[in-house]
Amino acid sequence: MNIREYYQKMSHSNFHASSISLGLAVIFFIGHVVGLIPGPIILITAPFMLISIALYIVHRIYESRIKELPRDLYGTNPGLLDAEHILLTFLPAPTLRLLLFAPDGNLMGEIRDRNMKWFMWMVPNFLSMLLAKRYDLVNPEGHVLAEYHIGRGLFNEMAIMDEEGSLIGSYQEKRTFMKNEGMIYKEDGTEWMPIDTPGSLNSFEIATIDGKKIVTYQEGWMPVEWGRRFKTNTPILTFSSPVEKIPRLIIFGFCAAALNHRSN
C-alpha cells in the first residue's frame, strides 16, 4: 500500500458509511409513511441525514487529496527499522490499525490488532479499552517483526516480544487526566525509558533513564514537501540517529498502547 491507496480506502469507506446512513434515513421515512414508525419523522431521520452529509464531505476531501498528490510520489526508503522519520495514519478499526509511512508516501509497516472480528465493532469504546489486546507489528509483506500483549484494565501493562516471541521489554502505565506517566523496562526488568507525556499526545519526547534521546513525536507541523502527501496534523515519529532495532520495536509498542482506539 502507498498513500494514494490509503486515501482511496478512506474515501471508499466514508462513501459507503454515508450511503448506509442515508439508507437508514430512507427506511425510517418509509416506515413512518406506512404507519410502522410513529413520532416526528424529522427528528428521527435528521441525525442519520447529518451523519450522511458529514461522511460524504469527508469522502470528497479524500477524493480531493488523491487528485492533489504529486505524480512523482515515491522514492527509495531505508526500511522501518532504519528510517529517521515515520508518519502515522489510521485505518477505521474497532481498536487500532496504525499504518507507518515513509515521508515519500510508501508504506513501511503496520501495527494491527489480531482480534479484528466484525463483532468488535459492537463493543462500546469505553469497554473495549478495558479488554486485553494483542497487536502485531508487520512489514509491508506481512512478516511479523514484534508482538505487543496489553493486559486488561484501565492502565496499560504491556509485554513486548520480538519476531521469535522472546521478551525484549515491557511497559507499565500510570495515566492521569493531564498526562501519561509510566516506565519502559528492559527484558530483565531494569528501568529503561521513563514516560511523561501530555494527555493530549500532541508532542512528546522519549529518552533513556540516563538522558539518551530516542524519539520525538510531533503533530501539527511538517515540511512543505511532506504536506503535499499527508494531512497537516499527521503524527510524525523522528528517531535519533542511530537507534537500534530493539529500542525501535519498543517505541512502536508504546505508540500502540498510547494511541489505542484512535482513528483519523
C-alpha atoms as a PDB file:
ATOM      1  CA  MET A   1       0.000   0.000   0.000  1.00  0.00           C
ATOM      2  CA  ASN A   2       1.048   3.598  -0.549  1.00  0.00           C
ATOM      3  CA  ILE A   3      -0.509   6.886   0.493  1.00  0.00           C
ATOM      4  CA  ARG A   4      -2.627   7.084  -2.675  1.00  0.00           C
ATOM      5  CA  GLU A   5      -4.157   3.671  -1.950  1.00  0.00           C
ATOM      6  CA  TYR A   6      -4.691   4.681   1.669  1.00  0.00           C
ATOM      7  CA  TYR A   7      -6.661   7.752   0.617  1.00  0.00           C
ATOM      8  CA  GLN A   8      -8.684   5.611  -1.775  1.00  0.00           C
ATOM      9  CA  LYS A   9      -9.559   3.206   1.057  1.00  0.00           C
ATOM     10  CA  MET A  10     -10.594   6.072   3.326  1.00  0.00           C
ATOM     11  CA  SER A  11     -12.627   7.690   0.543  1.00  0.00           C
ATOM     12  CA  HIS A  12     -14.493   4.464  -0.224  1.00  0.00           C
ATOM     13  CA  SER A  13     -15.032   3.719   3.472  1.00  0.00           C
ATOM     14  CA  ASN A  14     -16.608   7.103   4.141  1.00  0.00           C
ATOM     15  CA  PHE A  15     -18.719   6.906   0.975  1.00  0.00           C
ATOM     16  CA  HIS A  16     -20.132   3.509   1.958  1.00  0.00           C
ATOM     17  CA  ALA A  17     -20.806   4.667   5.522  1.00  0.00           C
ATOM     18  CA  SER A  18     -22.543   7.775   4.156  1.00  0.00           C
ATOM     19  CA  SER A  19     -24.707   5.606   1.897  1.00  0.00           C
ATOM     20  CA  ILE A  20     -25.665   3.314   4.784  1.00  0.00           C
ATOM     21  CA  SER A  21     -26.652   6.263   6.975  1.00  0.00           C
ATOM     22  CA  LEU A  22     -28.718   7.751   4.156  1.00  0.00           C
ATOM     23  CA  GLY A  23     -30.335   4.363   3.558  1.00  0.00           C
ATOM     24  CA  LEU A  24     -31.349   4.116   7.207  1.00  0.00           C
ATOM     25  CA  ALA A  25     -32.956   7.558   6.997  1.00  0.00           C
ATOM     26  CA  VAL A  26     -34.929   6.452   3.938  1.00  0.00           C
ATOM     27  CA  ILE A  27     -36.040   3.236   5.662  1.00  0.00           C
ATOM     28  CA  PHE A  28     -37.267   5.140   8.703  1.00  0.00           C
ATOM     29  CA  PHE A  29     -39.081   7.621   6.467  1.00  0.00           C
ATOM     30  CA  ILE A  30     -40.841   4.814   4.559  1.00  0.00           C
ATOM     31  CA  GLY A  31     -41.699   3.125   7.847  1.00  0.00           C
ATOM     32  CA  HIS A  32     -43.258   6.371   9.047  1.00  0.00           C
ATOM     33  CA  VAL A  33     -45.258   6.789   5.823  1.00  0.00           C
ATOM     34  CA  VAL A  34     -46.764   3.288   6.070  1.00  0.00           C
ATOM     35  CA  GLY A  35     -47.522   3.776   9.761  1.00  0.00           C
ATOM     36  CA  LEU A  36     -44.950   1.409  11.260  1.00  0.00           C
ATOM     37  CA  ILE A  37     -42.865   4.147  12.919  1.00  0.00           C
ATOM     38  CA  PRO A  38     -44.825   6.835  14.805  1.00  0.00           C
ATOM     39  CA  GLY A  39     -43.475  10.148  16.016  1.00  0.00           C
ATOM     40  CA  PRO A  40     -41.838  13.244  14.496  1.00  0.00           C
ATOM     41  CA  ILE A  41     -40.125  11.867  11.421  1.00  0.00           C
ATOM     42  CA  ILE A  42     -37.845  14.886  11.031  1.00  0.00           C
ATOM     43  CA  LEU A  43     -36.320  14.323  14.472  1.00  0.00           C
ATOM     44  CA  ILE A  44     -35.958  10.616  13.755  1.00  0.00           C
ATOM     45  CA  THR A  45     -34.239  10.945  10.377  1.00  0.00           C
ATOM     46  CA  ALA A  46     -32.274  14.183  10.938  1.00  0.00           C
ATOM     47  CA  PRO A  47     -29.314  12.551  12.805  1.00  0.00           C
ATOM     48  CA  PHE A  48     -28.872   9.992  10.020  1.00  0.00           C
ATOM     49  CA  MET A  49     -29.059  12.702   7.364  1.00  0.00           C
ATOM     50  CA  LEU A  50     -26.487  14.860   9.158  1.00  0.00           C
ATOM     51  CA  ILE A  51     -24.134  11.909   9.619  1.00  0.00           C
ATOM     52  CA  SER A  52     -24.545  11.001   5.959  1.00  0.00           C
ATOM     53  CA  ILE A  53     -23.715  14.550   4.853  1.00  0.00           C
ATOM     54  CA  ALA A  54     -20.669  14.742   7.151  1.00  0.00           C
ATOM     55  CA  LEU A  55     -19.305  11.408   5.916  1.00  0.00           C
ATOM     56  CA  TYR A  56     -19.866  12.392   2.303  1.00  0.00           C
ATOM     57  CA  ILE A  57     -17.904  15.606   2.868  1.00  0.00           C
ATOM     58  CA  VAL A  58     -15.025  13.560   4.299  1.00  0.00           C
ATOM     59  CA  HIS A  59     -15.255  11.279   1.243  1.00  0.00           C
ATOM     60  CA  ARG A  60     -14.921  14.306  -1.035  1.00  0.00           C
ATOM     61  CA  ILE A  61     -11.958  15.618   0.983  1.00  0.00           C
ATOM     62  CA  TYR A  62     -10.085  12.352   0.442  1.00  0.00           C
ATOM     63  CA  GLU A  63     -11.024  12.395  -3.239  1.00  0.00           C
ATOM     64  CA  SER A  64      -9.526  15.874  -3.487  1.00  0.00           C
ATOM     65  CA  ARG A  65      -6.335  14.776  -1.744  1.00  0.00           C
ATOM     66  CA  ILE A  66      -5.936  11.942  -4.260  1.00  0.00           C
ATOM     67  CA  LYS A  67      -6.118  14.454  -7.128  1.00  0.00           C
ATOM     68  CA  GLU A  68      -3.591  16.750  -5.398  1.00  0.00           C
ATOM     69  CA  LEU A  69      -0.956  14.059  -4.893  1.00  0.00           C
ATOM     70  CA  PRO A  70       2.178  14.656  -6.971  1.00  0.00           C
ATOM     71  CA  ARG A  71       2.921  12.291  -9.836  1.00  0.00           C
ATOM     72  CA  ASP A  72       6.493  11.642  -8.710  1.00  0.00           C
ATOM     73  CA  LEU A  73       5.272  10.231  -5.435  1.00  0.00           C
ATOM     74  CA  TYR A  74       7.697   7.551  -4.380  1.00  0.00           C
ATOM     75  CA  GLY A  75      11.399   7.146  -3.812  1.00  0.00           C
ATOM     76  CA  THR A  76      13.785   4.742  -2.087  1.00  0.00           C
ATOM     77  CA  ASN A  77      13.403   4.216   1.665  1.00  0.00           C
ATOM     78  CA  PRO A  78      15.813   2.726   4.219  1.00  0.00           C
ATOM     79  CA  GLY A  79      13.175   0.464   5.837  1.00  0.00           C
ATOM     80  CA  LEU A  80      11.098   0.574   9.011  1.00  0.00           C
ATOM     81  CA  LEU A  81      13.967  -0.375  11.317  1.00  0.00           C
ATOM     82  CA  ASP A  82      16.366   2.223   9.871  1.00  0.00           C
ATOM     83  CA  ALA A  83      14.185   5.204   8.884  1.00  0.00           C
ATOM     84  CA  GLU A  84      14.651   8.510  10.681  1.00  0.00           C
ATOM     85  CA  HIS A  85      11.130   9.862  10.029  1.00  0.00           C
ATOM     86  CA  ILE A  86       7.922   7.787  10.122  1.00  0.00           C
ATOM     87  CA  LEU A  87       4.417   9.217   9.639  1.00  0.00           C
ATOM     88  CA  LEU A  88       1.447   7.594  11.378  1.00  0.00           C
ATOM     89  CA  THR A  89      -2.017   7.236   9.859  1.00  0.00           C
ATOM     90  CA  PHE A  90      -5.037   5.245  10.961  1.00  0.00           C
ATOM     91  CA  LEU A  91      -7.488   2.970   9.182  1.00  0.00           C
ATOM     92  CA  PRO A  92     -11.030   2.545  10.544  1.00  0.00           C
ATOM     93  CA  ALA A  93     -10.987  -0.310  13.069  1.00  0.00           C
ATOM     94  CA  PRO A  94     -12.693  -1.192  16.374  1.00  0.00           C
ATOM     95  CA  THR A  95      -9.382  -0.790  18.266  1.00  0.00           C
ATOM     96  CA  LEU A  96      -6.193   0.103  16.419  1.00  0.00           C
ATOM     97  CA  ARG A  97      -4.918  -0.232  12.878  1.00  0.00           C
ATOM     98  CA  LEU A  98      -1.914   2.046  12.597  1.00  0.00           C
ATOM     99  CA  LEU A  99      -0.121   2.475   9.261  1.00  0.00           C
ATOM    100  CA  LEU A 100       3.527   3.557   9.218  1.00  0.00           C
ATOM    101  CA  PHE A 101       4.527   5.590   6.159  1.00  0.00           C
ATOM    102  CA  ALA A 102       7.778   6.982   4.822  1.00  0.00           C
ATOM    103  CA  PRO A 103       7.773  10.736   4.023  1.00  0.00           C
ATOM    104  CA  ASP A 104       7.509   9.938   0.287  1.00  0.00           C
ATOM    105  CA  GLY A 105       4.207   8.083   0.782  1.00  0.00           C
ATOM    106  CA  ASN A 106       5.375   4.458   0.763  1.00  0.00           C
ATOM    107  CA  LEU A 107       4.007   2.094   3.409  1.00  0.00           C
ATOM    108  CA  MET A 108       6.785   0.840   5.707  1.00  0.00           C
ATOM    109  CA  GLY A 109       4.768  -1.243   8.152  1.00  0.00           C
ATOM    110  CA  GLU A 110       1.602  -1.602  10.198  1.00  0.00           C
ATOM    111  CA  ILE A 111       0.526  -2.159  13.796  1.00  0.00           C
ATOM    112  CA  ARG A 112      -2.741  -4.081  13.895  1.00  0.00           C
ATOM    113  CA  ASP A 113      -4.944  -5.904  16.358  1.00  0.00           C
ATOM    114  CA  ARG A 114      -5.063  -9.675  15.945  1.00  0.00           C
ATOM    115  CA  ASN A 115      -8.721  -9.706  17.024  1.00  0.00           C
ATOM    116  CA  MET A 116     -10.316  -7.856  14.096  1.00  0.00           C
ATOM    117  CA  LYS A 117     -13.574  -9.791  14.276  1.00  0.00           C
ATOM    118  CA  TRP A 118     -16.672  -7.995  12.997  1.00  0.00           C
ATOM    119  CA  PHE A 119     -18.460  -8.141  16.360  1.00  0.00           C
ATOM    120  CA  MET A 120     -15.745  -5.966  17.938  1.00  0.00           C
ATOM    121  CA  TRP A 121     -17.432  -3.006  16.218  1.00  0.00           C
ATOM    122  CA  MET A 122     -20.391  -3.625  18.543  1.00  0.00           C
ATOM    123  CA  VAL A 123     -18.322  -3.377  21.724  1.00  0.00           C
ATOM    124  CA  PRO A 124     -18.544   0.152  23.253  1.00  0.00           C
ATOM    125  CA  ASN A 125     -15.258   2.042  23.166  1.00  0.00           C
ATOM    126  CA  PHE A 126     -15.062   2.518  26.951  1.00  0.00           C
ATOM    127  CA  LEU A 127     -15.481  -1.245  27.420  1.00  0.00           C
ATOM    128  CA  SER A 128     -13.104  -2.227  24.630  1.00  0.00           C
ATOM    129  CA  MET A 129     -10.364  -0.138  26.246  1.00  0.00           C
ATOM    130  CA  LEU A 130     -10.537  -2.412  29.311  1.00  0.00           C
ATOM    131  CA  LEU A 131     -10.055  -5.641  27.343  1.00  0.00           C
ATOM    132  CA  ALA A 132      -6.735  -7.428  26.841  1.00  0.00           C
ATOM    133  CA  LYS A 133      -5.268  -6.995  23.353  1.00  0.00           C
ATOM    134  CA  ARG A 134      -2.556  -8.434  21.155  1.00  0.00           C
ATOM    135  CA  TYR A 135      -1.030  -6.269  18.455  1.00  0.00           C
ATOM    136  CA  ASP A 136       1.425  -7.259  15.744  1.00  0.00           C
ATOM    137  CA  LEU A 137       3.983  -5.027  14.074  1.00  0.00           C
ATOM    138  CA  VAL A 138       4.326  -6.224  10.474  1.00  0.00           C
ATOM    139  CA  ASN A 139       6.312  -5.096   7.445  1.00  0.00           C
ATOM    140  CA  PRO A 140       4.623  -4.407   4.057  1.00  0.00           C
ATOM    141  CA  GLU A 141       4.910  -8.104   3.162  1.00  0.00           C
ATOM    142  CA  GLY A 142       3.015  -9.100   6.328  1.00  0.00           C
ATOM    143  CA  HIS A 143       6.032 -10.535   8.168  1.00  0.00           C
ATOM    144  CA  VAL A 144       5.698 -10.098  11.952  1.00  0.00           C
ATOM    145  CA  LEU A 145       8.520  -8.009  13.438  1.00  0.00           C
ATOM    146  CA  ALA A 146       7.211  -7.721  17.011  1.00  0.00           C
ATOM    147  CA  GLU A 147       4.247  -8.593  19.235  1.00  0.00           C
ATOM    148  CA  TYR A 148       2.638  -6.377  21.851  1.00  0.00           C
ATOM    149  CA  HIS A 149       0.483  -8.002  24.549  1.00  0.00           C
ATOM    150  CA  ILE A 150      -1.584  -5.483  26.530  1.00  0.00           C
ATOM    151  CA  GLY A 151      -3.265  -6.697  29.705  1.00  0.00           C
ATOM    152  CA  ARG A 152      -6.836  -5.971  30.677  1.00  0.00           C
ATOM    153  CA  GLY A 153      -7.693  -2.996  32.847  1.00  0.00           C
ATOM    154  CA  LEU A 154      -7.725   0.783  32.816  1.00  0.00           C
ATOM    155  CA  PHE A 155      -3.933   1.235  32.829  1.00  0.00           C
ATOM    156  CA  ASN A 156      -1.767  -0.301  30.135  1.00  0.00           C
ATOM    157  CA  GLU A 157       0.579  -3.109  31.152  1.00  0.00           C
ATOM    158  CA  MET A 158       2.319  -4.386  28.047  1.00  0.00           C
ATOM    159  CA  ALA A 159       4.765  -7.193  27.313  1.00  0.00           C
ATOM    160  CA  ILE A 160       6.865  -6.682  24.164  1.00  0.00           C
ATOM    161  CA  MET A 161       8.194  -9.646  22.166  1.00  0.00           C
ATOM    162  CA  ASP A 162      10.380  -9.857  19.087  1.00  0.00           C
ATOM    163  CA  GLU A 163       9.540 -11.841  15.947  1.00  0.00           C
ATOM    164  CA  GLU A 164      10.604 -15.079  17.627  1.00  0.00           C
ATOM    165  CA  GLY A 165       8.359 -14.490  20.649  1.00  0.00           C
ATOM    166  CA  SER A 166      11.202 -13.655  23.046  1.00  0.00           C
ATOM    167  CA  LEU A 167      10.577 -10.938  25.632  1.00  0.00           C
ATOM    168  CA  ILE A 168      12.553  -7.779  24.817  1.00  0.00           C
ATOM    169  CA  GLY A 169      10.865  -5.292  27.156  1.00  0.00           C
ATOM    170  CA  SER A 170       7.713  -4.212  28.957  1.00  0.00           C
ATOM    171  CA  TYR A 171       5.730  -1.086  29.724  1.00  0.00           C
ATOM    172  CA  GLN A 172       3.687  -0.129  32.776  1.00  0.00           C
ATOM    173  CA  GLU A 173       1.479   2.938  32.655  1.00  0.00           C
ATOM    174  CA  LYS A 174       0.081   5.342  35.210  1.00  0.00           C
ATOM    175  CA  ARG A 175      -2.469   7.564  33.499  1.00  0.00           C
ATOM    176  CA  THR A 176      -3.947  10.769  34.902  1.00  0.00           C
ATOM    177  CA  PHE A 177      -6.328  13.312  33.371  1.00  0.00           C
ATOM    178  CA  MET A 178      -3.477  15.642  32.418  1.00  0.00           C
ATOM    179  CA  LYS A 179      -0.675  13.305  31.354  1.00  0.00           C
ATOM    180  CA  ASN A 180       0.509   9.761  30.756  1.00  0.00           C
ATOM    181  CA  GLU A 181       3.198   8.529  33.097  1.00  0.00           C
ATOM    182  CA  GLY A 182       4.932   5.192  33.250  1.00  0.00           C
ATOM    183  CA  MET A 183       8.125   3.269  32.690  1.00  0.00           C
ATOM    184  CA  ILE A 184       9.525   1.121  29.896  1.00  0.00           C
ATOM    185  CA  TYR A 185      11.639  -1.738  31.233  1.00  0.00           C
ATOM    186  CA  LYS A 186      14.313  -3.908  29.654  1.00  0.00           C
ATOM    187  CA  GLU A 187      13.724  -7.656  29.334  1.00  0.00           C
ATOM    188  CA  ASP A 188      15.431  -8.228  32.720  1.00  0.00           C
ATOM    189  CA  GLY A 189      13.138  -5.734  34.487  1.00  0.00           C
ATOM    190  CA  THR A 190      15.674  -2.882  34.617  1.00  0.00           C
ATOM    191  CA  GLU A 191      14.170   0.595  34.284  1.00  0.00           C
ATOM    192  CA  TRP A 192      14.968   1.926  30.809  1.00  0.00           C
ATOM    193  CA  MET A 193      12.786   4.760  29.441  1.00  0.00           C
ATOM    194  CA  PRO A 194      10.634   6.901  31.758  1.00  0.00           C
ATOM    195  CA  ILE A 195       7.362   8.079  30.177  1.00  0.00           C
ATOM    196  CA  ASP A 196       6.000  11.528  30.998  1.00  0.00           C
ATOM    197  CA  THR A 197       3.814  12.748  28.141  1.00  0.00           C
ATOM    198  CA  PRO A 198       0.831  15.146  27.951  1.00  0.00           C
ATOM    199  CA  GLY A 199      -2.586  13.542  27.884  1.00  0.00           C
ATOM    200  CA  SER A 200      -3.299  15.129  24.506  1.00  0.00           C
ATOM    201  CA  LEU A 201      -0.250  13.380  22.960  1.00  0.00           C
ATOM    202  CA  ASN A 202       0.302  16.254  20.525  1.00  0.00           C
ATOM    203  CA  SER A 203       4.018  16.377  21.175  1.00  0.00           C
ATOM    204  CA  PHE A 204       6.423  14.455  23.381  1.00  0.00           C
ATOM    205  CA  GLU A 205       9.946  13.069  23.622  1.00  0.00           C
ATOM    206  CA  ILE A 206      11.197   9.735  24.920  1.00  0.00           C
ATOM    207  CA  ALA A 207      14.723   9.295  26.270  1.00  0.00           C
ATOM    208  CA  THR A 208      16.508   6.635  28.299  1.00  0.00           C
ATOM    209  CA  ILE A 209      16.796   6.982  32.043  1.00  0.00           C
ATOM    210  CA  ASP A 210      20.364   8.264  31.592  1.00  0.00           C
ATOM    211  CA  GLY A 211      19.224  11.007  29.194  1.00  0.00           C
ATOM    212  CA  LYS A 212      19.914   9.488  25.767  1.00  0.00           C
ATOM    213  CA  LYS A 213      17.232  10.783  23.393  1.00  0.00           C
ATOM    214  CA  ILE A 214      15.430   8.035  21.456  1.00  0.00           C
ATOM    215  CA  VAL A 215      12.489   9.594  19.618  1.00  0.00           C
ATOM    216  CA  THR A 216      10.244  12.622  19.335  1.00  0.00           C
ATOM    217  CA  TYR A 217       6.554  12.627  18.419  1.00  0.00           C
ATOM    218  CA  GLN A 218       5.041  15.712  16.815  1.00  0.00           C
ATOM    219  CA  GLU A 219       1.683  16.727  15.346  1.00  0.00           C
ATOM    220  CA  GLY A 220       0.707  19.926  13.557  1.00  0.00           C
ATOM    221  CA  TRP A 221       3.878  20.695  11.587  1.00  0.00           C
ATOM    222  CA  MET A 222       5.745  19.061   8.730  1.00  0.00           C
ATOM    223  CA  PRO A 223       7.955  20.102   5.795  1.00  0.00           C
ATOM    224  CA  VAL A 224       6.097  21.544   2.810  1.00  0.00           C
ATOM    225  CA  GLU A 225       7.107  18.618   0.607  1.00  0.00           C
ATOM    226  CA  TRP A 226       5.541  16.124   3.024  1.00  0.00           C
ATOM    227  CA  GLY A 227       2.414  18.269   3.195  1.00  0.00           C
ATOM    228  CA  ARG A 228       1.798  17.509  -0.485  1.00  0.00           C
ATOM    229  CA  ARG A 229       1.152  13.890   0.547  1.00  0.00           C
ATOM    230  CA  PHE A 230      -0.120  13.932   4.134  1.00  0.00           C
ATOM    231  CA  LYS A 231      -2.698  15.826   6.178  1.00  0.00           C
ATOM    232  CA  THR A 232      -1.407  18.715   8.287  1.00  0.00           C
ATOM    233  CA  ASN A 233      -1.904  17.020  11.670  1.00  0.00           C
ATOM    234  CA  THR A 234      -0.424  13.660  10.693  1.00  0.00           C
ATOM    235  CA  PRO A 235       1.716  12.434  13.646  1.00  0.00           C
ATOM    236  CA  ILE A 236       5.435  12.110  12.933  1.00  0.00           C
ATOM    237  CA  LEU A 237       7.949   9.930  14.771  1.00  0.00           C
ATOM    238  CA  THR A 238      11.518  11.189  14.434  1.00  0.00           C
ATOM    239  CA  PHE A 239      14.193   8.814  15.695  1.00  0.00           C
ATOM    240  CA  SER A 240      17.560   9.992  16.865  1.00  0.00           C
ATOM    241  CA  SER A 241      20.316   8.535  14.733  1.00  0.00           C
ATOM    242  CA  PRO A 242      21.278   5.799  15.175  1.00  0.00           C
ATOM    243  CA  VAL A 243      18.599   3.876  17.105  1.00  0.00           C
ATOM    244  CA  GLU A 244      18.985   0.110  17.203  1.00  0.00           C
ATOM    245  CA  LYS A 245      16.297  -2.453  16.394  1.00  0.00           C
ATOM    246  CA  ILE A 246      15.068  -3.311  19.901  1.00  0.00           C
ATOM    247  CA  PRO A 247      14.524   0.298  21.081  1.00  0.00           C
ATOM    248  CA  ARG A 248      12.591   0.952  17.859  1.00  0.00           C
ATOM    249  CA  LEU A 249      10.347  -2.048  18.438  1.00  0.00           C
ATOM    250  CA  ILE A 250       9.805  -0.805  22.000  1.00  0.00           C
ATOM    251  CA  ILE A 251       8.789   2.657  20.764  1.00  0.00           C
ATOM    252  CA  PHE A 252       6.303   1.221  18.277  1.00  0.00           C
ATOM    253  CA  GLY A 253       4.824  -0.769  21.156  1.00  0.00           C
ATOM    254  CA  PHE A 254       4.432   2.362  23.256  1.00  0.00           C
ATOM    255  CA  CYS A 255       2.634   4.014  20.317  1.00  0.00           C
ATOM    256  CA  ALA A 256       0.284   1.027  20.151  1.00  0.00           C
ATOM    257  CA  ALA A 257      -0.556   1.446  23.836  1.00  0.00           C
ATOM    258  CA  ALA A 258      -0.824   5.244  23.810  1.00  0.00           C
ATOM    259  CA  LEU A 259      -2.797   5.548  20.559  1.00  0.00           C
ATOM    260  CA  ASN A 260      -5.162   2.665  21.277  1.00  0.00           C
ATOM    261  CA  HIS A 261      -8.677   3.377  19.886  1.00  0.00           C
ATOM    262  CA  ARG A 262      -7.515   6.445  17.996  1.00  0.00           C
ATOM    263  CA  SER A 263      -8.553   6.896  14.359  1.00  0.00           C
ATOM    264  CA  ASN A 264      -8.436   9.644  11.732  1.00  0.00           C
END
